[in-house]
Amino acid sequence: MDLGPDALVEIYDFPTGRGFRALQPLQKGQVYLKVPLEKCWSAVRARQDYKELQTLSLATDEDVMALHLLLEKARGESGWNAEHLRCLPKSFDMLPHWSEDELGLLQEPELESTARRLKKQVQSDFSEVLREAKGDCLSLLEERGVDFESYLWAKSVLWSRCVDFSRELLETAGQALPETKQHLRLLVPGFDMANHDPRLAGTGRTHTVLEGGHVALVASVDYEAGDEVCIFYEKADNHRLLLWYGFVLENNPFDAAQIRLPIDPRAGPGLEALGAVLEEDGGKVFARCSMTLSDPVPQAAIRAAAVCQSLIPPSSGEVLTARQELEALRLLQRALPKADEPPPLPHPSDWRRYCAAVVSGFGPQIQVAFHKTVEAKMIAALAAAVKT
């Protein structure tokens, strides 16, 4: 795809897949790709191009954009944005595209159920579109071969590739937005080649709107020439990435397991300050603490375990002694069962099996990391207690 004469990146096949490669050093805040608004897919553009779509008063903006993609795709090389359409994936790996046997590989009943519900929702959306389509609109959809499978494909394009531009960004750049809308959702040719990097969380905005009618990608960190230039999609664990984008990340920093301990409510503020989430259940208060591979035994969990055993006063802000920490760790050790190391991951060439193994392997992986860390902390606490 031609990214335009002002692009400071090129499309490049990295070992991990296709993405953007910097053509020169980029500084944080520098625009490296801009696209005219008139080249972007939007619900407004869809209704302008096809008066037939204006008759679908019950259809959402996403439905209308999906139909626009399919109507133009059916026109081949004469279709609007034909070059962009050629570059879109022919198939997707989001969970609604998986077979029942493939979903079973996840070993995650709740995630499997969510995938089935999402597919049923898309089926329902498509049925609603067909029920509302009349006359010229229905004839157009039939003539262009719009069916459920193609509709699911178009929805998948939008789920994985659209960008939301806030009212603030648009108005700052002199672009109007209807009062009923808080953002403008666009499918921007070229933007969809940028890969997700979770390390960019909190580094700054990666897209913006420019005066003069362009949307742009902005470097949120410095890059050297030849580096892969990425954007940040969202704070998504592997369940969400696989459901909506069709990929997973090994050692995803947003993957987390939870441990929940009953506490005295007076300990709540101190535990919240450490990152715990308070929950009420059956008249009791619990501290829910997130365990990640980078921090499998968070301080919030250790302190909650100490409060749970009345080792310290609930509202105490004092640092735990070595003996108190040791007792708290012993409780945590009993609270979470041990697990064996998960088996080696399949090769990514068997993509769906690989993704399922990453998802299903996280539970055992975090359990192993948790117990190894607890044991290491217990040895350190025991050594400190002996010295005192």
Protein backbone atom coordinates (compact mmCIF):
# COMPACT_ATOMS: atom_id res chain seq x y z
CA MET A 1 0.00 0.00 0.00
CA ASP A 2 1.23 3.49 -0.86
CA LEU A 3 1.52 5.43 2.40
CA GLY A 4 2.04 8.76 0.64
CA PRO A 5 5.08 10.98 0.00
CA ASP A 6 5.19 12.38 3.55
CA ALA A 7 5.28 8.99 5.31
CA LEU A 8 8.28 8.46 7.58
CA VAL A 9 7.61 4.73 7.81
CA GLU A 10 7.30 1.88 5.35
CA ILE A 11 5.41 -1.40 5.45
CA TYR A 12 7.90 -4.13 6.27
CA ASP A 13 7.79 -7.87 6.99
CA PHE A 14 9.40 -8.37 10.40
CA PRO A 15 10.06 -11.88 11.80
CA THR A 16 6.99 -11.36 13.99
CA GLY A 17 4.78 -10.17 11.13
CA ARG A 18 4.05 -7.19 8.94
CA GLY A 19 4.21 -3.71 10.44
CA PHE A 20 5.74 -0.25 10.16
CA ARG A 21 9.51 0.28 9.93
CA ALA A 22 10.99 3.72 10.60
CA LEU A 23 12.71 5.23 7.56
CA GLN A 24 14.59 7.69 9.77
CA PRO A 25 14.98 8.45 13.48
CA LEU A 26 11.67 9.54 15.00
CA GLN A 27 11.23 11.66 18.08
CA LYS A 28 8.42 11.37 20.61
CA GLY A 29 5.51 13.49 19.39
CA GLN A 30 6.58 13.47 15.73
CA VAL A 31 3.95 12.77 13.07
CA TYR A 32 5.08 9.87 10.90
CA LEU A 33 1.95 9.13 8.87
CA LYS A 34 -0.99 11.30 7.88
CA VAL A 35 -4.08 10.41 5.88
CA PRO A 36 -6.74 12.76 4.46
CA LEU A 37 -10.10 12.44 6.18
CA GLU A 38 -11.77 11.97 2.80
CA LYS A 39 -9.83 8.71 2.39
CA CYS A 40 -11.20 7.26 5.64
CA TRP A 41 -14.10 4.87 5.99
CA SER A 42 -16.90 6.19 8.19
CA ALA A 43 -20.64 5.80 8.67
CA VAL A 44 -21.12 9.30 7.26
CA ARG A 45 -19.21 8.39 4.11
CA ALA A 46 -21.17 5.14 3.75
CA ARG A 47 -24.51 6.92 3.84
CA GLN A 48 -23.28 9.62 1.46
CA ASP A 49 -22.10 7.06 -1.10
CA TYR A 50 -25.17 4.83 -0.93
CA LYS A 51 -28.60 6.38 -0.52
CA GLU A 52 -29.88 2.82 -0.06
CA LEU A 53 -28.05 2.63 3.29
CA GLN A 54 -29.86 5.76 4.46
CA THR A 55 -33.06 3.71 4.61
CA LEU A 56 -31.62 1.50 7.35
CA SER A 57 -32.73 3.69 10.23
CA LEU A 58 -32.29 0.93 12.84
CA ALA A 59 -28.79 -0.05 11.72
CA THR A 60 -25.86 1.08 13.88
CA ASP A 61 -22.95 3.06 12.45
CA GLU A 62 -20.88 -0.13 12.65
CA ASP A 63 -23.48 -2.05 10.62
CA VAL A 64 -23.51 0.65 7.95
CA MET A 65 -19.70 0.77 7.77
CA ALA A 66 -19.57 -3.04 7.45
CA LEU A 67 -22.03 -2.96 4.56
CA HIS A 68 -20.06 -0.16 2.89
CA LEU A 69 -16.90 -2.27 3.00
CA LEU A 70 -18.71 -5.19 1.37
CA LEU A 71 -20.42 -3.10 -1.30
CA GLU A 72 -17.10 -1.58 -2.37
CA LYS A 73 -15.25 -4.90 -2.10
CA ALA A 74 -17.73 -6.44 -4.53
CA ARG A 75 -16.83 -3.77 -7.11
CA GLY A 76 -13.24 -5.00 -7.30
CA GLU A 77 -10.71 -2.58 -8.76
CA SER A 78 -13.42 -0.01 -9.48
CA GLY A 79 -14.41 0.16 -5.82
CA TRP A 80 -13.64 3.13 -3.62
CA ASN A 81 -10.41 2.63 -1.65
CA ALA A 82 -9.73 -0.50 -3.72
CA GLU A 83 -6.04 -0.46 -2.79
CA HIS A 84 -6.88 -0.52 0.90
CA LEU A 85 -9.41 -3.32 0.41
CA ARG A 86 -6.75 -5.41 -1.33
CA CYS A 87 -4.49 -5.08 1.71
CA LEU A 88 -7.09 -6.23 4.24
CA PRO A 89 -6.76 -9.79 5.56
CA LYS A 90 -8.72 -12.44 3.69
CA SER A 91 -9.60 -14.15 6.97
CA PHE A 92 -9.47 -13.46 10.70
CA ASP A 93 -8.66 -15.34 13.91
CA MET A 94 -10.99 -13.61 16.35
CA LEU A 95 -12.86 -16.16 18.43
CA PRO A 96 -16.22 -15.84 16.58
CA HIS A 97 -14.40 -17.41 13.60
CA TRP A 98 -13.29 -20.49 15.57
CA SER A 99 -14.99 -23.87 15.32
CA GLU A 100 -16.43 -25.57 18.40
CA ASP A 101 -13.45 -27.93 18.50
CA GLU A 102 -11.05 -24.99 18.36
CA LEU A 103 -12.90 -23.14 21.13
CA GLY A 104 -12.57 -26.24 23.28
CA LEU A 105 -8.79 -25.89 23.14
CA LEU A 106 -9.03 -22.70 25.20
CA GLN A 107 -10.11 -24.59 28.35
CA GLU A 108 -11.76 -21.33 29.42
CA PRO A 109 -15.56 -21.89 29.62
CA GLU A 110 -16.37 -18.22 30.22
CA LEU A 111 -14.29 -17.06 27.26
CA GLU A 112 -15.77 -19.78 25.04
CA SER A 113 -19.27 -18.68 26.06
CA THR A 114 -18.45 -15.04 25.32
CA ALA A 115 -17.22 -15.99 21.84
CA ARG A 116 -20.44 -17.87 21.11
CA ARG A 117 -22.57 -14.97 22.34
CA LEU A 118 -20.62 -12.52 20.17
CA LYS A 119 -21.13 -14.65 17.06
CA LYS A 120 -24.84 -14.95 17.83
CA GLN A 121 -25.01 -11.18 18.25
CA VAL A 122 -23.47 -10.67 14.80
CA GLN A 123 -25.96 -13.17 13.36
CA SER A 124 -28.76 -11.22 15.02
CA ASP A 125 -27.39 -7.90 13.71
CA PHE A 126 -27.26 -9.29 10.17
CA SER A 127 -30.79 -10.67 10.42
CA GLU A 128 -32.01 -7.24 11.58
CA VAL A 129 -30.31 -5.59 8.61
CA LEU A 130 -32.01 -7.99 6.19
CA ARG A 131 -35.39 -7.52 7.88
CA GLU A 132 -35.14 -3.75 7.56
CA ALA A 133 -33.68 -3.70 4.04
CA LYS A 134 -36.41 -3.19 1.47
CA GLY A 135 -36.64 -2.58 -2.24
CA ASP A 136 -33.48 -1.08 -3.74
CA CYS A 137 -31.47 -1.63 -0.57
CA LEU A 138 -32.23 -5.35 -0.39
CA SER A 139 -31.62 -5.73 -4.13
CA LEU A 140 -28.24 -4.00 -3.80
CA LEU A 141 -27.14 -6.28 -0.96
CA GLU A 142 -28.21 -9.39 -2.85
CA GLU A 143 -26.62 -8.19 -6.09
CA ARG A 144 -23.27 -7.58 -4.33
CA GLY A 145 -23.34 -10.99 -2.63
CA VAL A 146 -23.61 -9.76 0.96
CA ASP A 147 -24.14 -12.79 3.22
CA PHE A 148 -23.47 -13.63 6.86
CA GLU A 149 -19.90 -14.88 6.34
CA SER A 150 -18.89 -11.74 4.46
CA TYR A 151 -20.70 -9.61 7.05
CA LEU A 152 -18.74 -11.29 9.87
CA TRP A 153 -15.55 -10.61 7.89
CA ALA A 154 -16.44 -6.92 7.58
CA LYS A 155 -17.32 -6.67 11.27
CA SER A 156 -13.95 -8.23 12.08
CA VAL A 157 -12.19 -5.61 9.96
CA LEU A 158 -13.86 -2.88 11.98
CA TRP A 159 -13.34 -4.50 15.41
CA SER A 160 -9.63 -4.91 14.86
CA ARG A 161 -8.79 -1.82 12.83
CA CYS A 162 -11.01 1.16 13.65
CA VAL A 163 -9.76 4.17 15.59
CA ASP A 164 -11.91 6.48 17.73
CA PHE A 165 -11.12 10.20 17.55
CA SER A 166 -12.45 12.20 20.49
CA ARG A 167 -14.56 15.33 20.25
CA GLU A 168 -11.68 17.28 21.81
CA LEU A 169 -9.23 16.22 19.09
CA LEU A 170 -11.67 16.95 16.29
CA GLU A 171 -12.80 20.34 17.57
CA THR A 172 -9.21 21.43 18.27
CA ALA A 173 -8.45 20.72 14.61
CA GLY A 174 -11.55 22.59 13.43
CA GLN A 175 -13.58 19.48 12.59
CA ALA A 176 -17.27 19.40 13.45
CA LEU A 177 -18.93 16.51 15.28
CA PRO A 178 -22.70 16.12 15.84
CA GLU A 179 -23.85 16.98 19.35
CA THR A 180 -25.10 13.43 19.83
CA LYS A 181 -21.60 11.98 19.27
CA GLN A 182 -18.64 11.98 21.67
CA HIS A 183 -16.21 10.51 19.18
CA LEU A 184 -15.79 9.75 15.49
CA ARG A 185 -14.98 6.16 14.54
CA LEU A 186 -12.86 5.80 11.43
CA LEU A 187 -11.21 3.00 9.52
CA VAL A 188 -8.05 4.73 8.32
CA PRO A 189 -6.12 3.20 5.40
CA GLY A 190 -2.55 2.67 6.58
CA PHE A 191 -3.22 3.06 10.29
CA ASP A 192 -4.34 -0.56 10.37
CA MET A 193 -0.81 -1.72 9.54
CA ALA A 194 0.50 -0.53 12.93
CA ASN A 195 1.01 -3.30 15.48
CA HIS A 196 0.23 -3.21 19.19
CA ASP A 197 3.00 -2.79 21.77
CA PRO A 198 1.80 -3.04 25.40
CA ARG A 199 5.01 -1.36 26.57
CA LEU A 200 3.65 1.90 25.13
CA ALA A 201 0.95 2.12 27.80
CA GLY A 202 1.12 5.55 29.38
CA THR A 203 3.67 6.95 26.92
CA GLY A 204 1.26 9.36 25.27
CA ARG A 205 -1.19 9.64 22.42
CA THR A 206 -0.44 7.63 19.28
CA HIS A 207 -3.03 9.22 16.96
CA THR A 208 -4.37 12.73 16.45
CA VAL A 209 -6.28 15.02 14.10
CA LEU A 210 -4.43 17.73 12.18
CA GLU A 211 -5.71 21.04 10.90
CA GLY A 212 -6.31 20.88 7.19
CA GLY A 213 -8.38 17.70 7.26
CA HIS A 214 -5.90 14.94 8.08
CA VAL A 215 -5.67 12.27 10.76
CA ALA A 216 -2.18 11.25 11.81
CA LEU A 217 -0.12 8.73 13.71
CA VAL A 218 2.31 10.16 16.25
CA ALA A 219 5.39 8.54 17.77
CA SER A 220 4.79 8.08 21.50
CA VAL A 221 8.47 7.24 22.12
CA ASP A 222 11.75 7.81 20.25
CA TYR A 223 12.67 5.36 17.47
CA GLU A 224 15.84 4.71 15.52
CA ALA A 225 15.81 4.17 11.76
CA GLY A 226 14.90 0.54 11.08
CA ASP A 227 12.92 0.09 14.32
CA GLU A 228 9.40 -1.26 14.22
CA VAL A 229 7.05 1.62 15.00
CA CYS A 230 4.00 0.52 16.98
CA ILE A 231 0.92 1.98 18.57
CA PHE A 232 -0.92 1.10 21.77
CA TYR A 233 -4.37 -0.41 21.24
CA GLU A 234 -5.64 -0.64 24.81
CA LYS A 235 -4.94 -2.25 28.19
CA ALA A 236 -6.07 -5.68 27.06
CA ASP A 237 -5.33 -9.11 28.48
CA ASN A 238 -5.03 -12.08 26.14
CA HIS A 239 -8.71 -12.94 26.49
CA ARG A 240 -9.66 -9.56 25.06
CA LEU A 241 -6.91 -9.53 22.45
CA LEU A 242 -7.98 -12.91 21.11
CA LEU A 243 -11.69 -12.07 21.19
CA TRP A 244 -11.49 -8.72 19.39
CA TYR A 245 -8.16 -8.74 17.54
CA GLY A 246 -7.31 -12.39 16.88
CA PHE A 247 -3.88 -12.59 18.52
CA VAL A 248 -2.21 -13.12 21.88
CA LEU A 249 1.04 -12.01 23.50
CA GLU A 250 3.28 -14.30 25.46
CA ASN A 251 3.93 -12.70 28.88
CA ASN A 252 1.21 -10.11 28.30
CA PRO A 253 1.67 -7.56 31.12
CA PHE A 254 -2.12 -7.11 31.33
CA ASP A 255 -2.80 -10.79 31.99
CA ALA A 256 -3.67 -11.20 35.65
CA ALA A 257 -5.09 -13.77 38.06
CA GLN A 258 -6.89 -12.79 41.24
CA ILE A 259 -6.54 -13.83 44.87
CA ARG A 260 -9.27 -12.76 47.29
CA LEU A 261 -8.93 -12.57 51.06
CA PRO A 262 -11.45 -11.55 53.75
CA ILE A 263 -10.38 -8.46 55.67
CA ASP A 264 -11.48 -6.04 58.36
CA PRO A 265 -13.10 -3.08 56.53
CA ARG A 266 -10.85 -0.68 58.44
CA ALA A 267 -7.89 -2.06 56.47
CA GLY A 268 -9.55 -1.13 53.20
CA PRO A 269 -7.98 2.30 52.48
CA GLY A 270 -4.45 1.04 53.11
CA LEU A 271 -4.94 -1.99 50.88
CA GLU A 272 -6.53 0.09 48.12
CA ALA A 273 -3.46 2.32 48.20
CA LEU A 274 -1.40 -0.80 47.43
CA GLY A 275 -3.62 -1.69 44.46
CA ALA A 276 -6.19 -4.04 45.99
CA VAL A 277 -9.85 -3.81 44.97
CA LEU A 278 -12.42 -4.04 47.77
CA GLU A 279 -15.53 -6.18 47.32
CA GLU A 280 -18.52 -6.88 49.54
CA ASP A 281 -20.04 -10.34 49.55
CA GLY A 282 -22.47 -11.79 52.05
CA GLY A 283 -21.91 -8.94 54.49
CA LYS A 284 -18.14 -9.44 54.45
CA VAL A 285 -15.41 -7.34 52.86
CA PHE A 286 -12.75 -8.91 50.68
CA ALA A 287 -9.54 -7.57 49.20
CA ARG A 288 -9.03 -8.73 45.61
CA CYS A 289 -5.38 -8.57 44.54
CA SER A 290 -4.09 -8.98 40.99
CA MET A 291 -1.19 -11.36 40.35
CA THR A 292 0.84 -10.89 37.17
CA LEU A 293 3.87 -12.72 35.84
CA SER A 294 6.00 -9.67 36.64
CA ASP A 295 4.56 -9.41 40.16
CA PRO A 296 3.04 -12.77 41.15
CA VAL A 297 2.95 -11.98 44.88
CA PRO A 298 1.99 -8.31 45.20
CA GLN A 299 2.49 -6.44 48.45
CA ALA A 300 -1.27 -5.88 48.67
CA ALA A 301 -1.79 -9.66 48.94
CA ILE A 302 0.88 -10.07 51.62
CA ARG A 303 -0.57 -7.27 53.72
CA ALA A 304 -4.15 -8.53 53.21
CA ALA A 305 -3.01 -11.96 54.44
CA ALA A 306 -1.51 -10.32 57.52
CA VAL A 307 -4.75 -8.43 58.22
CA CYS A 308 -6.77 -11.58 57.60
CA GLN A 309 -4.88 -13.34 60.40
CA SER A 310 -4.97 -10.30 62.72
CA LEU A 311 -1.17 -10.16 62.69
CA ILE A 312 -1.41 -6.35 62.61
CA PRO A 313 -4.11 -3.83 63.55
CA PRO A 314 -6.45 -3.25 60.57
CA SER A 315 -5.62 0.43 60.18
CA SER A 316 -1.91 0.06 60.90
CA GLY A 317 0.47 1.64 58.46
CA GLU A 318 3.54 0.02 59.94
CA VAL A 319 5.87 -2.15 57.90
CA LEU A 320 5.44 -5.87 58.59
CA THR A 321 8.10 -7.52 60.70
CA ALA A 322 9.91 -10.50 59.22
CA ARG A 323 7.89 -12.89 61.40
CA GLN A 324 4.58 -11.24 60.42
CA GLU A 325 5.51 -11.45 56.75
CA LEU A 326 6.45 -15.09 57.14
CA GLU A 327 3.04 -15.94 58.65
CA ALA A 328 1.27 -13.94 55.92
CA LEU A 329 3.21 -15.83 53.24
CA ARG A 330 2.31 -19.18 54.82
CA LEU A 331 -1.38 -18.27 54.50
CA LEU A 332 -0.92 -17.28 50.85
CA GLN A 333 0.92 -20.53 50.19
CA ARG A 334 -2.11 -22.47 51.44
CA ALA A 335 -4.60 -20.25 49.63
CA LEU A 336 -3.53 -21.07 46.08
CA PRO A 337 -3.04 -24.68 44.90
CA LYS A 338 0.19 -25.64 43.20
CA ALA A 339 0.38 -26.55 39.53
CA ASP A 340 2.82 -28.14 37.13
CA GLU A 341 4.65 -26.11 34.53
CA PRO A 342 2.51 -25.86 31.38
CA PRO A 343 3.74 -27.87 28.37
CA PRO A 344 5.82 -26.13 25.65
CA LEU A 345 3.79 -23.94 23.31
CA PRO A 346 2.94 -25.21 19.83
CA HIS A 347 4.68 -23.48 16.93
CA PRO A 348 2.90 -20.25 15.89
CA SER A 349 2.45 -21.71 12.40
CA ASP A 350 -0.49 -23.58 13.99
CA TRP A 351 -1.85 -20.22 15.03
CA ARG A 352 -5.14 -21.03 16.71
CA ARG A 353 -3.69 -23.95 18.65
CA TYR A 354 -0.80 -21.70 19.67
CA CYS A 355 -3.17 -18.93 20.83
CA ALA A 356 -5.26 -21.42 22.79
CA ALA A 357 -2.15 -22.79 24.49
CA VAL A 358 -1.02 -19.29 25.52
CA VAL A 359 -4.46 -18.59 27.01
CA SER A 360 -4.92 -21.95 28.74
CA GLY A 361 -1.34 -21.99 29.98
CA PHE A 362 -1.54 -18.72 31.88
CA GLY A 363 -3.30 -20.21 34.91
CA PRO A 364 -0.65 -22.87 35.59
CA GLN A 365 2.07 -20.39 34.68
CA ILE A 366 0.96 -17.84 37.27
CA GLN A 367 0.50 -20.57 39.91
CA VAL A 368 4.06 -21.79 39.37
CA ALA A 369 5.43 -18.24 39.49
CA PHE A 370 3.35 -17.49 42.61
CA HIS A 371 4.66 -20.46 44.60
CA LYS A 372 8.26 -19.95 43.51
CA THR A 373 8.05 -16.32 44.61
CA VAL A 374 6.30 -17.14 47.88
CA GLU A 375 8.99 -19.71 48.70
CA ALA A 376 11.78 -17.25 47.91
CA LYS A 377 10.15 -14.59 50.07
CA MET A 378 9.63 -17.08 52.90
CA ILE A 379 13.33 -18.01 52.87
CA ALA A 380 14.26 -14.32 53.00
CA ALA A 381 11.76 -13.60 55.77
CA LEU A 382 12.91 -16.63 57.78
CA ALA A 383 16.53 -15.52 57.49
CA ALA A 384 15.59 -12.02 58.64
CA ALA A 385 13.52 -13.38 61.53
CA VAL A 386 16.42 -15.52 62.75
CA LYS A 387 18.68 -12.48 62.82
CA THR A 388 16.21 -10.62 65.01
